[in-house]
Amino acid sequence: MEGGRALEQSHGSLISWRHPKPSWTCAAMVSKKQLADFGYKAFSGSMMLLTVYAGYLCSVRVHRMLQQRRQRESAPGPES
C-alpha cells in the first residue's frame, strides 16, 4: 500500500495508490500569472515611489540654490 504500487480491488481491476491532496493546498496555490501580476505591480509601485522621491530631492535642491542666489544678490558687495 505504498505510493506507486498497484492494488487489486475485489472485482479484479488494478488501481494505483495515491494519497489525495489536502484541500488547503489547492486554496493556497497561486498561479504563475497571479504571481507575475503581483511582481509587476510591486515593481511598478516601487518605481513610482522612487520617481516621486527623486522629484522631491530635485525640488529641494533647486529651492536651496535659489535661496543662496538671493542671499548673494542681497549681500553687500566688496567695498573698493
PDB file of N, CA and C in Angstrom:
ATOM      1  N   MET A   1       0.816  -1.189   0.000  1.00  0.00           N
ATOM      2  CA  MET A   1       0.000   0.000   0.000  1.00  0.00           C
ATOM      3  C   MET A   1       0.863   1.258   0.000  1.00  0.00           C
ATOM      4  N   GLU A   2       2.006   1.191  -0.598  1.00  0.00           N
ATOM      5  CA  GLU A   2       2.848   2.370  -0.700  1.00  0.00           C
ATOM      6  C   GLU A   2       2.603   3.036  -2.040  1.00  0.00           C
ATOM      7  N   GLY A   3       2.990   4.316  -2.163  1.00  0.00           N
ATOM      8  CA  GLY A   3       2.766   5.046  -3.400  1.00  0.00           C
ATOM      9  C   GLY A   3       3.434   4.366  -4.585  1.00  0.00           C
ATOM     10  N   GLY A   4       2.742   4.251  -5.684  1.00  0.00           N
ATOM     11  CA  GLY A   4       3.293   3.654  -6.879  1.00  0.00           C
ATOM     12  C   GLY A   4       2.884   2.199  -7.086  1.00  0.00           C
ATOM     13  N   ARG A   5       2.578   1.470  -6.030  1.00  0.00           N
ATOM     14  CA  ARG A   5       2.156   0.087  -6.179  1.00  0.00           C
ATOM     15  C   ARG A   5       0.706   0.022  -6.602  1.00  0.00           C
ATOM     16  N   ALA A   6       0.396  -0.975  -7.352  1.00  0.00           N
ATOM     17  CA  ALA A   6      -0.987  -1.165  -7.790  1.00  0.00           C
ATOM     18  C   ALA A   6      -1.704  -2.089  -6.812  1.00  0.00           C
ATOM     19  N   LEU A   7      -2.914  -1.746  -6.516  1.00  0.00           N
ATOM     20  CA  LEU A   7      -3.737  -2.567  -5.627  1.00  0.00           C
ATOM     21  C   LEU A   7      -4.834  -3.244  -6.432  1.00  0.00           C
ATOM     22  N   GLU A   8      -5.155  -4.433  -6.021  1.00  0.00           N
ATOM     23  CA  GLU A   8      -6.222  -5.146  -6.715  1.00  0.00           C
ATOM     24  C   GLU A   8      -7.496  -5.037  -5.904  1.00  0.00           C
ATOM     25  N   GLN A   9      -8.545  -4.552  -6.546  1.00  0.00           N
ATOM     26  CA  GLN A   9      -9.824  -4.468  -5.874  1.00  0.00           C
ATOM     27  C   GLN A   9     -10.520  -5.822  -5.940  1.00  0.00           C
ATOM     28  N   SER A  10     -11.653  -5.923  -5.240  1.00  0.00           N
ATOM     29  CA  SER A  10     -12.376  -7.190  -5.173  1.00  0.00           C
ATOM     30  C   SER A  10     -12.906  -7.636  -6.527  1.00  0.00           C
ATOM     31  N   HIS A  11     -13.185  -6.688  -7.457  1.00  0.00           N
ATOM     32  CA  HIS A  11     -13.704  -7.101  -8.753  1.00  0.00           C
ATOM     33  C   HIS A  11     -12.608  -7.362  -9.771  1.00  0.00           C
ATOM     34  N   GLY A  12     -11.332  -7.266  -9.382  1.00  0.00           N
ATOM     35  CA  GLY A  12     -10.269  -7.711 -10.246  1.00  0.00           C
ATOM     36  C   GLY A  12      -9.532  -6.617 -11.011  1.00  0.00           C
ATOM     37  N   SER A  13      -9.971  -5.367 -11.004  1.00  0.00           N
ATOM     38  CA  SER A  13      -9.252  -4.322 -11.745  1.00  0.00           C
ATOM     39  C   SER A  13      -8.126  -3.762 -10.888  1.00  0.00           C
ATOM     40  N   LEU A  14      -7.138  -3.197 -11.549  1.00  0.00           N
ATOM     41  CA  LEU A  14      -5.998  -2.628 -10.848  1.00  0.00           C
ATOM     42  C   LEU A  14      -6.172  -1.112 -10.722  1.00  0.00           C
ATOM     43  N   ILE A  15      -5.848  -0.605  -9.552  1.00  0.00           N
ATOM     44  CA  ILE A  15      -5.854   0.839  -9.346  1.00  0.00           C
ATOM     45  C   ILE A  15      -4.511   1.237  -8.760  1.00  0.00           C
ATOM     46  N   SER A  16      -4.075   2.460  -9.019  1.00  0.00           N
ATOM     47  CA  SER A  16      -2.819   2.906  -8.421  1.00  0.00           C
ATOM     48  C   SER A  16      -3.126   3.618  -7.113  1.00  0.00           C
ATOM     49  N   TRP A  17      -2.272   3.417  -6.144  1.00  0.00           N
ATOM     50  CA  TRP A  17      -2.471   4.001  -4.824  1.00  0.00           C
ATOM     51  C   TRP A  17      -1.890   5.411  -4.797  1.00  0.00           C
ATOM     52  N   ARG A  18      -2.717   6.385  -4.522  1.00  0.00           N
ATOM     53  CA  ARG A  18      -2.264   7.772  -4.398  1.00  0.00           C
ATOM     54  C   ARG A  18      -3.005   8.416  -3.242  1.00  0.00           C
ATOM     55  N   HIS A  19      -2.273   9.232  -2.500  1.00  0.00           N
ATOM     56  CA  HIS A  19      -2.902   9.981  -1.413  1.00  0.00           C
ATOM     57  C   HIS A  19      -3.610  11.195  -2.009  1.00  0.00           C
ATOM     58  N   PRO A  20      -4.828  11.460  -1.580  1.00  0.00           N
ATOM     59  CA  PRO A  20      -5.496  12.672  -2.079  1.00  0.00           C
ATOM     60  C   PRO A  20      -4.809  13.907  -1.514  1.00  0.00           C
ATOM     61  N   LYS A  21      -4.773  14.964  -2.321  1.00  0.00           N
ATOM     62  CA  LYS A  21      -4.161  16.217  -1.867  1.00  0.00           C
ATOM     63  C   LYS A  21      -5.054  16.860  -0.811  1.00  0.00           C
ATOM     64  N   PRO A  22      -4.450  17.431   0.217  1.00  0.00           N
ATOM     65  CA  PRO A  22      -5.273  18.146   1.196  1.00  0.00           C
ATOM     66  C   PRO A  22      -5.957  19.343   0.551  1.00  0.00           C
ATOM     67  N   SER A  23      -7.122  19.681   1.024  1.00  0.00           N
ATOM     68  CA  SER A  23      -7.887  20.767   0.416  1.00  0.00           C
ATOM     69  C   SER A  23      -7.219  22.125   0.607  1.00  0.00           C
ATOM     70  N   TRP A  24      -6.425  22.293   1.667  1.00  0.00           N
ATOM     71  CA  TRP A  24      -5.811  23.595   1.923  1.00  0.00           C
ATOM     72  C   TRP A  24      -4.730  23.927   0.904  1.00  0.00           C
ATOM     73  N   THR A  25      -4.105  22.921   0.287  1.00  0.00           N
ATOM     74  CA  THR A  25      -3.054  23.235  -0.680  1.00  0.00           C
ATOM     75  C   THR A  25      -3.636  23.837  -1.944  1.00  0.00           C
ATOM     76  N   CYS A  26      -4.798  23.386  -2.351  1.00  0.00           N
ATOM     77  CA  CYS A  26      -5.412  23.911  -3.571  1.00  0.00           C
ATOM     78  C   CYS A  26      -5.833  25.365  -3.382  1.00  0.00           C
ATOM     79  N   ALA A  27      -6.313  25.705  -2.194  1.00  0.00           N
ATOM     80  CA  ALA A  27      -6.765  27.069  -1.938  1.00  0.00           C
ATOM     81  C   ALA A  27      -5.580  28.029  -1.824  1.00  0.00           C
ATOM     82  N   ALA A  28      -4.436  27.527  -1.337  1.00  0.00           N
ATOM     83  CA  ALA A  28      -3.285  28.399  -1.119  1.00  0.00           C
ATOM     84  C   ALA A  28      -2.406  28.515  -2.361  1.00  0.00           C
ATOM     85  N   MET A  29      -2.640  27.732  -3.367  1.00  0.00           N
ATOM     86  CA  MET A  29      -1.813  27.771  -4.576  1.00  0.00           C
ATOM     87  C   MET A  29      -2.057  29.072  -5.341  1.00  0.00           C
ATOM     88  N   VAL A  30      -0.984  29.657  -5.801  1.00  0.00           N
ATOM     89  CA  VAL A  30      -1.064  30.887  -6.580  1.00  0.00           C
ATOM     90  C   VAL A  30      -0.569  30.555  -7.978  1.00  0.00           C
ATOM     91  N   SER A  31      -1.309  30.968  -8.968  1.00  0.00           N
ATOM     92  CA  SER A  31      -0.896  30.670 -10.332  1.00  0.00           C
ATOM     93  C   SER A  31       0.306  31.531 -10.721  1.00  0.00           C
ATOM     94  N   LYS A  32       0.985  31.113 -11.774  1.00  0.00           N
ATOM     95  CA  LYS A  32       2.152  31.866 -12.244  1.00  0.00           C
ATOM     96  C   LYS A  32       1.740  33.252 -12.707  1.00  0.00           C
ATOM     97  N   LYS A  33       0.567  33.354 -13.323  1.00  0.00           N
ATOM     98  CA  LYS A  33       0.092  34.654 -13.805  1.00  0.00           C
ATOM     99  C   LYS A  33      -0.177  35.593 -12.632  1.00  0.00           C
ATOM    100  N   GLN A  34      -0.803  35.073 -11.558  1.00  0.00           N
ATOM    101  CA  GLN A  34      -1.073  35.909 -10.390  1.00  0.00           C
ATOM    102  C   GLN A  34       0.226  36.359  -9.746  1.00  0.00           C
ATOM    103  N   LEU A  35       1.198  35.456  -9.674  1.00  0.00           N
ATOM    104  CA  LEU A  35       2.495  35.813  -9.098  1.00  0.00           C
ATOM    105  C   LEU A  35       3.196  36.853  -9.954  1.00  0.00           C
ATOM    106  N   ALA A  36       3.129  36.694 -11.277  1.00  0.00           N
ATOM    107  CA  ALA A  36       3.750  37.670 -12.173  1.00  0.00           C
ATOM    108  C   ALA A  36       3.049  39.025 -12.072  1.00  0.00           C
ATOM    109  N   ASP A  37       1.725  39.019 -11.971  1.00  0.00           N
ATOM    110  CA  ASP A  37       0.980  40.272 -11.831  1.00  0.00           C
ATOM    111  C   ASP A  37       1.363  40.985 -10.539  1.00  0.00           C
ATOM    112  N   PHE A  38       1.474  40.217  -9.453  1.00  0.00           N
ATOM    113  CA  PHE A  38       1.858  40.825  -8.174  1.00  0.00           C
ATOM    114  C   PHE A  38       3.267  41.406  -8.252  1.00  0.00           C
ATOM    115  N   GLY A  39       4.193  40.667  -8.866  1.00  0.00           N
ATOM    116  CA  GLY A  39       5.561  41.157  -9.013  1.00  0.00           C
ATOM    117  C   GLY A  39       5.621  42.424  -9.843  1.00  0.00           C
ATOM    118  N   TYR A  40       4.838  42.453 -10.924  1.00  0.00           N
ATOM    119  CA  TYR A  40       4.806  43.643 -11.783  1.00  0.00           C
ATOM    120  C   TYR A  40       4.256  44.839 -11.028  1.00  0.00           C
ATOM    121  N   LYS A  41       3.175  44.630 -10.272  1.00  0.00           N
ATOM    122  CA  LYS A  41       2.585  45.740  -9.514  1.00  0.00           C
ATOM    123  C   LYS A  41       3.532  46.226  -8.422  1.00  0.00           C
ATOM    124  N   ALA A  42       4.217  45.301  -7.756  1.00  0.00           N
ATOM    125  CA  ALA A  42       5.165  45.697  -6.718  1.00  0.00           C
ATOM    126  C   ALA A  42       6.331  46.487  -7.318  1.00  0.00           C
ATOM    127  N   PHE A  43       6.846  46.008  -8.448  1.00  0.00           N
ATOM    128  CA  PHE A  43       7.952  46.703  -9.097  1.00  0.00           C
ATOM    129  C   PHE A  43       7.517  48.075  -9.599  1.00  0.00           C
ATOM    130  N   SER A  44       6.348  48.141 -10.217  1.00  0.00           N
ATOM    131  CA  SER A  44       5.852  49.418 -10.722  1.00  0.00           C
ATOM    132  C   SER A  44       5.615  50.406  -9.584  1.00  0.00           C
ATOM    133  N   GLY A  45       5.070  49.919  -8.496  1.00  0.00           N
ATOM    134  CA  GLY A  45       4.834  50.786  -7.343  1.00  0.00           C
ATOM    135  C   GLY A  45       6.122  51.330  -6.766  1.00  0.00           C
ATOM    136  N   SER A  46       7.143  50.475  -6.676  1.00  0.00           N
ATOM    137  CA  SER A  46       8.418  50.951  -6.136  1.00  0.00           C
ATOM    138  C   SER A  46       9.060  51.973  -7.076  1.00  0.00           C
ATOM    139  N   MET A  47       8.921  51.769  -8.388  1.00  0.00           N
ATOM    140  CA  MET A  47       9.461  52.740  -9.337  1.00  0.00           C
ATOM    141  C   MET A  47       8.731  54.079  -9.229  1.00  0.00           C
ATOM    142  N   MET A  48       7.420  54.036  -9.011  1.00  0.00           N
ATOM    143  CA  MET A  48       6.669  55.287  -8.835  1.00  0.00           C
ATOM    144  C   MET A  48       7.132  56.018  -7.582  1.00  0.00           C
ATOM    145  N   LEU A  49       7.331  55.281  -6.498  1.00  0.00           N
ATOM    146  CA  LEU A  49       7.804  55.916  -5.264  1.00  0.00           C
ATOM    147  C   LEU A  49       9.194  56.517  -5.451  1.00  0.00           C
ATOM    148  N   LEU A  50      10.073  55.801  -6.140  1.00  0.00           N
ATOM    149  CA  LEU A  50      11.406  56.350  -6.394  1.00  0.00           C
ATOM    150  C   LEU A  50      11.342  57.602  -7.254  1.00  0.00           C
ATOM    151  N   THR A  51      10.449  57.633  -8.220  1.00  0.00           N
ATOM    152  CA  THR A  51      10.297  58.806  -9.081  1.00  0.00           C
ATOM    153  C   THR A  51       9.809  60.005  -8.283  1.00  0.00           C
ATOM    154  N   VAL A  52       8.832  59.780  -7.415  1.00  0.00           N
ATOM    155  CA  VAL A  52       8.314  60.867  -6.569  1.00  0.00           C
ATOM    156  C   VAL A  52       9.406  61.378  -5.635  1.00  0.00           C
ATOM    157  N   TYR A  53      10.172  60.452  -5.040  1.00  0.00           N
ATOM    158  CA  TYR A  53      11.244  60.851  -4.131  1.00  0.00           C
ATOM    159  C   TYR A  53      12.337  61.618  -4.875  1.00  0.00           C
ATOM    160  N   ALA A  54      12.683  61.185  -6.077  1.00  0.00           N
ATOM    161  CA  ALA A  54      13.692  61.906  -6.863  1.00  0.00           C
ATOM    162  C   ALA A  54      13.200  63.307  -7.213  1.00  0.00           C
ATOM    163  N   GLY A  55      11.916  63.441  -7.547  1.00  0.00           N
ATOM    164  CA  GLY A  55      11.352  64.764  -7.811  1.00  0.00           C
ATOM    165  C   GLY A  55      11.424  65.657  -6.590  1.00  0.00           C
ATOM    166  N   TYR A  56      11.154  65.083  -5.427  1.00  0.00           N
ATOM    167  CA  TYR A  56      11.244  65.848  -4.176  1.00  0.00           C
ATOM    168  C   TYR A  56      12.682  66.322  -3.959  1.00  0.00           C
ATOM    169  N   LEU A  57      13.652  65.423  -4.136  1.00  0.00           N
ATOM    170  CA  LEU A  57      15.052  65.806  -3.929  1.00  0.00           C
ATOM    171  C   LEU A  57      15.483  66.895  -4.904  1.00  0.00           C
ATOM    172  N   CYS A  58      15.045  66.810  -6.148  1.00  0.00           N
ATOM    173  CA  CYS A  58      15.382  67.844  -7.135  1.00  0.00           C
ATOM    174  C   CYS A  58      14.776  69.187  -6.753  1.00  0.00           C
ATOM    175  N   SER A  59      13.520  69.174  -6.318  1.00  0.00           N
ATOM    176  CA  SER A  59      12.875  70.436  -5.958  1.00  0.00           C
ATOM    177  C   SER A  59      13.534  71.055  -4.725  1.00  0.00           C
ATOM    178  N   VAL A  60      13.958  70.250  -3.765  1.00  0.00           N
ATOM    179  CA  VAL A  60      14.653  70.778  -2.584  1.00  0.00           C
ATOM    180  C   VAL A  60      15.973  71.405  -2.999  1.00  0.00           C
ATOM    181  N   ARG A  61      16.691  70.751  -3.900  1.00  0.00           N
ATOM    182  CA  ARG A  61      17.978  71.298  -4.337  1.00  0.00           C
ATOM    183  C   ARG A  61      17.811  72.616  -5.087  1.00  0.00           C
ATOM    184  N   VAL A  62      16.819  72.671  -5.959  1.00  0.00           N
ATOM    185  CA  VAL A  62      16.563  73.915  -6.704  1.00  0.00           C
ATOM    186  C   VAL A  62      16.173  75.030  -5.740  1.00  0.00           C
ATOM    187  N   HIS A  63      15.358  74.708  -4.749  1.00  0.00           N
ATOM    188  CA  HIS A  63      14.944  75.709  -3.761  1.00  0.00           C
ATOM    189  C   HIS A  63      16.156  76.256  -3.010  1.00  0.00           C
ATOM    190  N   ARG A  64      17.062  75.382  -2.605  1.00  0.00           N
ATOM    191  CA  ARG A  64      18.269  75.835  -1.889  1.00  0.00           C
ATOM    192  C   ARG A  64      19.163  76.679  -2.782  1.00  0.00           C
ATOM    193  N   MET A  65      19.294  76.288  -4.050  1.00  0.00           N
ATOM    194  CA  MET A  65      20.116  77.075  -4.974  1.00  0.00           C
ATOM    195  C   MET A  65      19.545  78.477  -5.154  1.00  0.00           C
ATOM    196  N   LEU A  66      18.211  78.573  -5.284  1.00  0.00           N
ATOM    197  CA  LEU A  66      17.583  79.887  -5.436  1.00  0.00           C
ATOM    198  C   LEU A  66      17.754  80.730  -4.179  1.00  0.00           C
ATOM    199  N   GLN A  67      17.671  80.112  -3.008  1.00  0.00           N
ATOM    200  CA  GLN A  67      17.877  80.855  -1.757  1.00  0.00           C
ATOM    201  C   GLN A  67      19.299  81.396  -1.685  1.00  0.00           C
ATOM    202  N   GLN A  68      20.277  80.559  -2.039  1.00  0.00           N
ATOM    203  CA  GLN A  68      21.665  81.010  -1.998  1.00  0.00           C
ATOM    204  C   GLN A  68      21.900  82.142  -2.992  1.00  0.00           C
ATOM    205  N   ARG A  69      21.291  82.066  -4.154  1.00  0.00           N
ATOM    206  CA  ARG A  69      21.446  83.125  -5.156  1.00  0.00           C
ATOM    207  C   ARG A  69      20.859  84.430  -4.628  1.00  0.00           C
ATOM    208  N   ARG A  70      19.671  84.363  -4.009  1.00  0.00           N
ATOM    209  CA  ARG A  70      19.069  85.578  -3.445  1.00  0.00           C
ATOM    210  C   ARG A  70      19.940  86.176  -2.348  1.00  0.00           C
ATOM    211  N   GLN A  71      20.538  85.312  -1.523  1.00  0.00           N
ATOM    212  CA  GLN A  71      21.398  85.817  -0.446  1.00  0.00           C
ATOM    213  C   GLN A  71      22.643  86.493  -1.029  1.00  0.00           C
ATOM    214  N   ARG A  72      23.207  85.918  -2.077  1.00  0.00           N
ATOM    215  CA  ARG A  72      24.392  86.541  -2.701  1.00  0.00           C
ATOM    216  C   ARG A  72      24.049  87.879  -3.328  1.00  0.00           C
ATOM    217  N   GLU A  73      22.873  87.948  -3.961  1.00  0.00           N
ATOM    218  CA  GLU A  73      22.487  89.200  -4.623  1.00  0.00           C
ATOM    219  C   GLU A  73      22.150  90.285  -3.610  1.00  0.00           C
ATOM    220  N   SER A  74      21.585  89.909  -2.471  1.00  0.00           N
ATOM    221  CA  SER A  74      21.199  90.928  -1.484  1.00  0.00           C
ATOM    222  C   SER A  74      22.356  91.299  -0.568  1.00  0.00           C
ATOM    223  N   ALA A  75      23.407  90.505  -0.538  1.00  0.00           N
ATOM    224  CA  ALA A  75      24.547  90.816   0.319  1.00  0.00           C
ATOM    225  C   ALA A  75      25.316  91.990  -0.281  1.00  0.00           C
ATOM    226  N   PRO A  76      25.836  92.866   0.572  1.00  0.00           N
ATOM    227  CA  PRO A  76      26.615  93.991   0.047  1.00  0.00           C
ATOM    228  C   PRO A  76      27.914  93.497  -0.582  1.00  0.00           C
ATOM    229  N   GLY A  77      28.243  94.106  -1.680  1.00  0.00           N
ATOM    230  CA  GLY A  77      29.449  93.730  -2.416  1.00  0.00           C
ATOM    231  C   GLY A  77      30.693  94.251  -1.728  1.00  0.00           C
ATOM    232  N   PRO A  78      31.847  93.853  -2.196  1.00  0.00           N
ATOM    233  CA  PRO A  78      33.105  94.347  -1.599  1.00  0.00           C
ATOM    234  C   PRO A  78      33.256  95.846  -1.875  1.00  0.00           C
ATOM    235  N   GLU A  79      33.634  96.533  -0.848  1.00  0.00           N
ATOM    236  CA  GLU A  79      33.805  97.991  -0.990  1.00  0.00           C
ATOM    237  C   GLU A  79      35.191  98.285  -1.530  1.00  0.00           C
ATOM    238  N   SER A  80      35.258  99.026  -2.598  1.00  0.00           N
ATOM    239  CA  SER A  80      36.564  99.382  -3.148  1.00  0.00           C
ATOM    240  C   SER A  80      36.660 100.844  -3.439  1.00  0.00           C
TER     241      SER A  80
END
